[in-house]
Amino acid sequence: MNTQTSHDAHNHSNLGPLKDLPTIEAAEFANWTPEGKAPQSPCQVKPASTPKQNTALLRLLRAIVDHPGMPSSKYPKLTQMSPRKAVEVRKQLVKQGLVRETELQTKARGRAAIVLTPTEAAVEVLHAQDADQFTGGSTA
């Protein structure tokens, strides 16, 4: 069965000049990898600081550290929190310097995806949190 319409054939024939255009890679994404280390901006919080003992903050932070480079829309389901709450918590983590947001255009049309990656401080916060839980109290 032919599902192509006359408009498809017309649109396809008009792509010729576009296919001849050179692809120019954006400089800001030259070194970006979802799991690698990206260049970091100076952290606004001390690495030893921890987010408030808010389980939602820690839950989202752990999900971002365990699954870096995913679109922000995937984390609410992963952390079992509402999308509205996830956005609120994400903004707090970005403000504290624990998470980086990068906008990526994943499709030709539509809104750019916000990809989340943890900072070194985020990993240190979770290590401190794990050590605190392991020892059963405060490490300070």
N, C-alpha and C. Protein backbone atom coordinates (compact mmCIF):
# COMPACT_ATOMS: atom_id res chain seq x y z
N MET A 1 0.84 -1.19 0.00
CA MET A 1 0.00 0.00 0.00
C MET A 1 0.88 1.25 0.00
N ASN A 2 0.62 2.14 -0.91
CA ASN A 2 1.38 3.37 -1.01
C ASN A 2 0.74 4.44 -0.12
N THR A 3 1.47 4.85 0.90
CA THR A 3 0.94 5.86 1.82
C THR A 3 1.43 7.26 1.47
N GLN A 4 2.23 7.37 0.46
CA GLN A 4 2.77 8.66 0.06
C GLN A 4 1.70 9.46 -0.69
N THR A 5 1.56 10.71 -0.33
CA THR A 5 0.61 11.59 -1.02
C THR A 5 1.36 12.45 -2.01
N SER A 6 0.62 13.16 -2.83
CA SER A 6 1.27 14.04 -3.80
C SER A 6 2.03 15.15 -3.09
N HIS A 7 1.56 15.54 -1.90
CA HIS A 7 2.27 16.57 -1.13
C HIS A 7 3.62 16.05 -0.65
N ASP A 8 3.67 14.75 -0.27
CA ASP A 8 4.93 14.16 0.17
C ASP A 8 5.96 14.19 -0.95
N ALA A 9 5.54 13.81 -2.15
CA ALA A 9 6.46 13.80 -3.29
C ALA A 9 6.94 15.22 -3.59
N HIS A 10 6.04 16.18 -3.51
CA HIS A 10 6.41 17.57 -3.75
C HIS A 10 7.39 18.05 -2.68
N ASN A 11 7.11 17.76 -1.42
CA ASN A 11 7.99 18.17 -0.32
C ASN A 11 9.35 17.50 -0.44
N HIS A 12 9.36 16.23 -0.81
CA HIS A 12 10.61 15.50 -0.94
C HIS A 12 11.47 16.10 -2.07
N SER A 13 10.86 16.49 -3.16
CA SER A 13 11.62 17.06 -4.27
C SER A 13 12.19 18.43 -3.89
N ASN A 14 11.54 19.13 -2.98
CA ASN A 14 12.03 20.44 -2.54
C ASN A 14 13.18 20.36 -1.55
N LEU A 15 13.48 19.17 -1.05
CA LEU A 15 14.57 19.01 -0.08
C LEU A 15 15.95 19.02 -0.74
N GLY A 16 16.00 18.86 -2.03
CA GLY A 16 17.28 18.79 -2.74
C GLY A 16 18.27 19.87 -2.34
N PRO A 17 17.90 21.16 -2.44
CA PRO A 17 18.84 22.21 -2.07
C PRO A 17 19.23 22.17 -0.59
N LEU A 18 18.32 21.74 0.27
CA LEU A 18 18.64 21.67 1.70
C LEU A 18 19.66 20.59 2.00
N LYS A 19 19.60 19.49 1.26
CA LYS A 19 20.54 18.40 1.49
C LYS A 19 21.96 18.79 1.07
N ASP A 20 22.08 19.78 0.21
CA ASP A 20 23.40 20.22 -0.24
C ASP A 20 24.06 21.19 0.73
N LEU A 21 23.30 21.71 1.68
CA LEU A 21 23.86 22.65 2.65
C LEU A 21 24.81 21.95 3.60
N PRO A 22 25.90 22.60 3.97
CA PRO A 22 26.83 21.96 4.90
C PRO A 22 26.24 21.95 6.32
N THR A 23 26.60 20.93 7.07
CA THR A 23 26.17 20.84 8.47
C THR A 23 27.21 21.55 9.32
N ILE A 24 26.75 22.49 10.12
CA ILE A 24 27.65 23.24 10.99
C ILE A 24 27.34 22.85 12.42
N GLU A 25 28.31 22.25 13.09
CA GLU A 25 28.11 21.84 14.47
C GLU A 25 28.25 23.04 15.38
N ALA A 26 27.37 23.11 16.38
CA ALA A 26 27.41 24.20 17.35
C ALA A 26 28.60 24.01 18.29
N ALA A 27 29.36 25.06 18.48
CA ALA A 27 30.57 24.99 19.31
C ALA A 27 30.26 24.60 20.74
N GLU A 28 29.10 25.04 21.26
CA GLU A 28 28.79 24.76 22.66
C GLU A 28 28.53 23.28 22.93
N PHE A 29 28.33 22.48 21.87
CA PHE A 29 28.11 21.06 22.08
C PHE A 29 29.29 20.21 21.61
N ALA A 30 30.41 20.83 21.31
CA ALA A 30 31.56 20.10 20.79
C ALA A 30 32.08 19.07 21.78
N ASN A 31 32.08 19.37 23.07
CA ASN A 31 32.63 18.46 24.07
C ASN A 31 31.56 17.81 24.93
N TRP A 32 30.31 17.93 24.54
CA TRP A 32 29.22 17.43 25.38
C TRP A 32 29.02 15.93 25.20
N THR A 33 28.92 15.22 26.31
CA THR A 33 28.53 13.82 26.30
C THR A 33 27.60 13.62 27.49
N PRO A 34 26.61 12.75 27.37
CA PRO A 34 25.67 12.59 28.48
C PRO A 34 26.31 11.95 29.71
N GLU A 35 27.35 11.14 29.54
CA GLU A 35 27.95 10.49 30.69
C GLU A 35 29.36 10.99 31.00
N GLY A 36 29.94 11.70 30.08
CA GLY A 36 31.28 12.21 30.31
C GLY A 36 31.26 13.45 31.18
N LYS A 37 32.42 13.97 31.43
CA LYS A 37 32.51 15.19 32.23
C LYS A 37 32.54 16.38 31.29
N ALA A 38 31.60 17.26 31.48
CA ALA A 38 31.54 18.48 30.68
C ALA A 38 32.29 19.57 31.41
N PRO A 39 32.75 20.59 30.68
CA PRO A 39 33.38 21.71 31.36
C PRO A 39 32.43 22.29 32.40
N GLN A 40 32.98 22.57 33.58
CA GLN A 40 32.14 23.04 34.67
C GLN A 40 32.33 24.52 34.91
N SER A 41 31.22 25.15 35.27
CA SER A 41 31.32 26.52 35.72
C SER A 41 31.56 26.47 37.23
N PRO A 42 32.12 27.52 37.80
CA PRO A 42 32.39 27.50 39.23
C PRO A 42 31.11 27.23 40.02
N CYS A 43 31.22 26.36 40.98
CA CYS A 43 30.07 25.98 41.80
C CYS A 43 29.77 27.10 42.79
N GLN A 44 28.48 27.37 42.98
CA GLN A 44 28.08 28.44 43.88
C GLN A 44 27.99 27.99 45.33
N VAL A 45 28.02 26.69 45.57
CA VAL A 45 27.96 26.19 46.94
C VAL A 45 29.23 25.44 47.24
N LYS A 46 29.54 25.30 48.52
CA LYS A 46 30.71 24.53 48.91
C LYS A 46 30.43 23.07 48.65
N PRO A 47 31.41 22.31 48.13
CA PRO A 47 31.18 20.91 47.84
C PRO A 47 30.72 20.10 49.05
N ALA A 48 31.12 20.49 50.23
CA ALA A 48 30.76 19.73 51.42
C ALA A 48 29.34 20.01 51.88
N SER A 49 28.69 21.03 51.30
CA SER A 49 27.34 21.36 51.75
C SER A 49 26.36 20.33 51.23
N THR A 50 25.25 20.19 51.92
CA THR A 50 24.23 19.23 51.51
C THR A 50 22.91 19.95 51.34
N PRO A 51 22.05 19.45 50.47
CA PRO A 51 20.73 20.06 50.38
C PRO A 51 19.98 19.81 51.66
N LYS A 52 18.95 20.59 51.87
CA LYS A 52 18.13 20.39 53.07
C LYS A 52 17.70 18.93 53.12
N GLN A 53 17.47 18.43 54.30
CA GLN A 53 17.09 17.03 54.45
C GLN A 53 15.69 16.81 53.90
N ASN A 54 15.55 17.08 52.65
CA ASN A 54 14.28 16.95 51.96
C ASN A 54 14.40 15.71 51.07
N THR A 55 13.55 14.75 51.31
CA THR A 55 13.66 13.51 50.55
C THR A 55 13.46 13.71 49.06
N ALA A 56 12.61 14.67 48.67
CA ALA A 56 12.39 14.92 47.25
C ALA A 56 13.67 15.43 46.58
N LEU A 57 14.40 16.32 47.25
CA LEU A 57 15.67 16.82 46.70
C LEU A 57 16.66 15.68 46.52
N LEU A 58 16.78 14.87 47.54
CA LEU A 58 17.75 13.78 47.48
C LEU A 58 17.32 12.72 46.47
N ARG A 59 16.04 12.46 46.36
CA ARG A 59 15.54 11.47 45.41
C ARG A 59 15.84 11.89 43.98
N LEU A 60 15.55 13.16 43.66
CA LEU A 60 15.81 13.65 42.30
C LEU A 60 17.32 13.73 42.05
N LEU A 61 18.07 14.17 43.03
CA LEU A 61 19.52 14.27 42.86
C LEU A 61 20.12 12.89 42.60
N ARG A 62 19.68 11.89 43.35
CA ARG A 62 20.20 10.53 43.15
C ARG A 62 19.83 10.02 41.75
N ALA A 63 18.63 10.31 41.30
CA ALA A 63 18.21 9.87 39.96
C ALA A 63 19.07 10.52 38.88
N ILE A 64 19.40 11.79 39.06
CA ILE A 64 20.22 12.50 38.06
C ILE A 64 21.65 11.97 38.07
N VAL A 65 22.18 11.67 39.25
CA VAL A 65 23.53 11.11 39.34
C VAL A 65 23.56 9.70 38.75
N ASP A 66 22.54 8.90 39.04
CA ASP A 66 22.49 7.53 38.54
C ASP A 66 22.16 7.44 37.05
N HIS A 67 21.42 8.42 36.53
CA HIS A 67 20.99 8.41 35.12
C HIS A 67 21.25 9.79 34.50
N PRO A 68 22.51 10.20 34.33
CA PRO A 68 22.79 11.53 33.78
C PRO A 68 22.47 11.61 32.30
N GLY A 69 22.19 12.83 31.84
CA GLY A 69 22.02 13.05 30.42
C GLY A 69 20.64 12.74 29.88
N MET A 70 19.67 12.52 30.76
CA MET A 70 18.31 12.25 30.31
C MET A 70 17.53 13.56 30.25
N PRO A 71 16.51 13.63 29.39
CA PRO A 71 15.64 14.82 29.39
C PRO A 71 14.95 14.95 30.74
N SER A 72 14.73 16.17 31.17
CA SER A 72 14.12 16.42 32.48
C SER A 72 12.72 15.82 32.59
N SER A 73 12.06 15.62 31.47
CA SER A 73 10.71 15.06 31.50
C SER A 73 10.68 13.60 31.93
N LYS A 74 11.82 12.92 31.90
CA LYS A 74 11.88 11.50 32.27
C LYS A 74 12.02 11.30 33.79
N TYR A 75 12.54 12.29 34.49
CA TYR A 75 12.84 12.11 35.91
C TYR A 75 11.61 12.02 36.83
N PRO A 76 10.50 12.71 36.56
CA PRO A 76 9.35 12.56 37.47
C PRO A 76 8.88 11.11 37.60
N LYS A 77 8.80 10.39 36.49
CA LYS A 77 8.37 8.99 36.56
C LYS A 77 9.43 8.15 37.28
N LEU A 78 10.69 8.44 37.00
CA LEU A 78 11.77 7.69 37.62
C LEU A 78 11.80 7.88 39.13
N THR A 79 11.45 9.07 39.59
CA THR A 79 11.49 9.37 41.03
C THR A 79 10.13 9.27 41.69
N GLN A 80 9.11 8.96 40.93
CA GLN A 80 7.74 8.83 41.43
C GLN A 80 7.26 10.11 42.10
N MET A 81 7.48 11.23 41.42
CA MET A 81 6.95 12.50 41.91
C MET A 81 6.23 13.19 40.76
N SER A 82 5.36 14.13 41.09
CA SER A 82 4.60 14.81 40.05
C SER A 82 5.53 15.69 39.21
N PRO A 83 5.19 15.91 37.95
CA PRO A 83 6.03 16.77 37.11
C PRO A 83 6.20 18.17 37.68
N ARG A 84 5.15 18.71 38.28
CA ARG A 84 5.24 20.05 38.87
C ARG A 84 6.26 20.07 40.02
N LYS A 85 6.20 19.06 40.88
CA LYS A 85 7.12 18.96 42.01
C LYS A 85 8.55 18.75 41.50
N ALA A 86 8.70 17.95 40.46
CA ALA A 86 10.03 17.69 39.90
C ALA A 86 10.66 18.97 39.35
N VAL A 87 9.86 19.82 38.70
CA VAL A 87 10.38 21.10 38.18
C VAL A 87 10.82 21.99 39.34
N GLU A 88 10.01 22.04 40.39
CA GLU A 88 10.33 22.85 41.56
C GLU A 88 11.63 22.38 42.22
N VAL A 89 11.77 21.08 42.39
CA VAL A 89 12.96 20.50 43.01
C VAL A 89 14.17 20.69 42.10
N ARG A 90 13.98 20.51 40.78
CA ARG A 90 15.08 20.69 39.82
C ARG A 90 15.63 22.10 39.89
N LYS A 91 14.75 23.09 39.97
CA LYS A 91 15.20 24.48 40.06
C LYS A 91 16.00 24.73 41.32
N GLN A 92 15.63 24.09 42.42
CA GLN A 92 16.39 24.23 43.67
C GLN A 92 17.78 23.61 43.52
N LEU A 93 17.85 22.45 42.89
CA LEU A 93 19.15 21.79 42.69
C LEU A 93 20.06 22.60 41.78
N VAL A 94 19.48 23.21 40.74
CA VAL A 94 20.28 24.06 39.84
C VAL A 94 20.77 25.29 40.60
N LYS A 95 19.89 25.89 41.40
CA LYS A 95 20.26 27.07 42.18
C LYS A 95 21.38 26.76 43.18
N GLN A 96 21.35 25.55 43.74
CA GLN A 96 22.39 25.15 44.69
C GLN A 96 23.68 24.73 44.00
N GLY A 97 23.67 24.67 42.68
CA GLY A 97 24.88 24.32 41.94
C GLY A 97 25.15 22.82 41.90
N LEU A 98 24.13 22.01 42.11
CA LEU A 98 24.32 20.57 42.13
C LEU A 98 23.96 19.91 40.80
N VAL A 99 23.20 20.61 39.97
CA VAL A 99 22.75 20.07 38.68
C VAL A 99 22.91 21.13 37.61
N ARG A 100 23.32 20.68 36.41
CA ARG A 100 23.44 21.56 35.24
C ARG A 100 22.31 21.24 34.28
N GLU A 101 21.71 22.27 33.72
CA GLU A 101 20.69 22.11 32.70
C GLU A 101 21.29 22.49 31.35
N THR A 102 21.04 21.68 30.34
CA THR A 102 21.49 21.97 28.99
C THR A 102 20.31 21.78 28.06
N GLU A 103 19.99 22.80 27.26
CA GLU A 103 18.89 22.67 26.30
C GLU A 103 19.43 22.06 25.02
N LEU A 104 18.77 21.00 24.57
CA LEU A 104 19.15 20.34 23.33
C LEU A 104 17.94 20.23 22.43
N GLN A 105 18.12 20.57 21.18
CA GLN A 105 17.05 20.42 20.20
C GLN A 105 17.14 19.01 19.67
N THR A 106 16.24 18.13 20.13
CA THR A 106 16.31 16.72 19.75
C THR A 106 15.56 16.42 18.46
N LYS A 107 14.63 17.27 18.09
CA LYS A 107 13.86 17.07 16.86
C LYS A 107 13.89 18.36 16.06
N ALA A 108 13.51 18.26 14.81
CA ALA A 108 13.54 19.43 13.93
C ALA A 108 12.57 20.50 14.40
N ARG A 109 11.46 20.07 15.00
CA ARG A 109 10.45 21.03 15.44
C ARG A 109 10.15 20.79 16.91
N GLY A 110 9.54 21.78 17.51
CA GLY A 110 9.09 21.63 18.89
C GLY A 110 10.07 22.21 19.90
N ARG A 111 9.70 22.04 21.14
CA ARG A 111 10.47 22.58 22.25
C ARG A 111 11.77 21.80 22.45
N ALA A 112 12.82 22.50 22.84
CA ALA A 112 14.10 21.85 23.11
C ALA A 112 14.00 21.07 24.42
N ALA A 113 14.66 19.92 24.47
CA ALA A 113 14.69 19.12 25.68
C ALA A 113 15.70 19.73 26.66
N ILE A 114 15.36 19.68 27.94
CA ILE A 114 16.28 20.12 28.98
C ILE A 114 16.95 18.87 29.53
N VAL A 115 18.24 18.73 29.25
CA VAL A 115 18.99 17.56 29.68
C VAL A 115 19.70 17.91 30.99
N LEU A 116 19.62 16.99 31.96
CA LEU A 116 20.19 17.24 33.28
C LEU A 116 21.45 16.41 33.50
N THR A 117 22.49 17.06 34.01
CA THR A 117 23.72 16.37 34.38
C THR A 117 24.16 16.84 35.76
N PRO A 118 24.70 15.94 36.56
CA PRO A 118 25.13 16.33 37.91
C PRO A 118 26.49 17.02 37.87
N THR A 119 26.76 17.81 38.87
CA THR A 119 28.08 18.40 39.03
C THR A 119 28.88 17.52 39.98
N GLU A 120 30.16 17.79 40.11
CA GLU A 120 31.00 17.05 41.07
C GLU A 120 30.44 17.20 42.48
N ALA A 121 29.92 18.39 42.77
CA ALA A 121 29.36 18.64 44.11
C ALA A 121 28.18 17.71 44.40
N ALA A 122 27.39 17.39 43.38
CA ALA A 122 26.24 16.50 43.57
C ALA A 122 26.69 15.11 43.98
N VAL A 123 27.74 14.63 43.34
CA VAL A 123 28.27 13.31 43.67
C VAL A 123 28.80 13.31 45.11
N GLU A 124 29.50 14.39 45.48
CA GLU A 124 30.03 14.50 46.83
C GLU A 124 28.90 14.56 47.87
N VAL A 125 27.83 15.25 47.55
CA VAL A 125 26.69 15.34 48.46
C VAL A 125 26.09 13.96 48.70
N LEU A 126 25.94 13.20 47.63
CA LEU A 126 25.36 11.86 47.78
C LEU A 126 26.30 10.92 48.53
N HIS A 127 27.60 11.05 48.29
CA HIS A 127 28.56 10.23 49.04
C HIS A 127 28.50 10.56 50.52
N ALA A 128 28.40 11.85 50.84
CA ALA A 128 28.29 12.27 52.24
C ALA A 128 26.98 11.76 52.84
N GLN A 129 25.91 11.81 52.07
CA GLN A 129 24.61 11.32 52.54
C GLN A 129 24.66 9.82 52.80
N ASP A 130 25.29 9.08 51.89
CA ASP A 130 25.41 7.63 52.06
C ASP A 130 26.26 7.30 53.28
N ALA A 131 27.37 8.03 53.46
CA ALA A 131 28.23 7.80 54.62
C ALA A 131 27.48 8.11 55.91
N ASP A 132 26.67 9.18 55.88
CA ASP A 132 25.90 9.56 57.05
C ASP A 132 24.88 8.47 57.40
N GLN A 133 24.23 7.90 56.40
CA GLN A 133 23.27 6.84 56.65
C GLN A 133 23.97 5.57 57.12
N PHE A 134 25.16 5.32 56.58
CA PHE A 134 25.91 4.11 56.94
C PHE A 134 26.38 4.16 58.38
N THR A 135 26.84 5.34 58.81
CA THR A 135 27.33 5.47 60.19
C THR A 135 26.19 5.70 61.17
N GLY A 136 25.02 6.00 60.65
CA GLY A 136 23.85 6.15 61.51
C GLY A 136 23.74 7.50 62.17
N GLY A 137 24.47 8.47 61.70
CA GLY A 137 24.39 9.79 62.30
C GLY A 137 25.16 10.80 61.52
N SER A 138 25.39 11.93 62.13
CA SER A 138 26.09 13.02 61.48
C SER A 138 27.59 12.74 61.46
N THR A 139 28.24 13.10 60.36
CA THR A 139 29.68 12.94 60.25
C THR A 139 30.43 14.15 60.79
N ALA A 140 29.72 15.22 61.14
CA ALA A 140 30.37 16.44 61.62
C ALA A 140 30.54 16.42 63.11
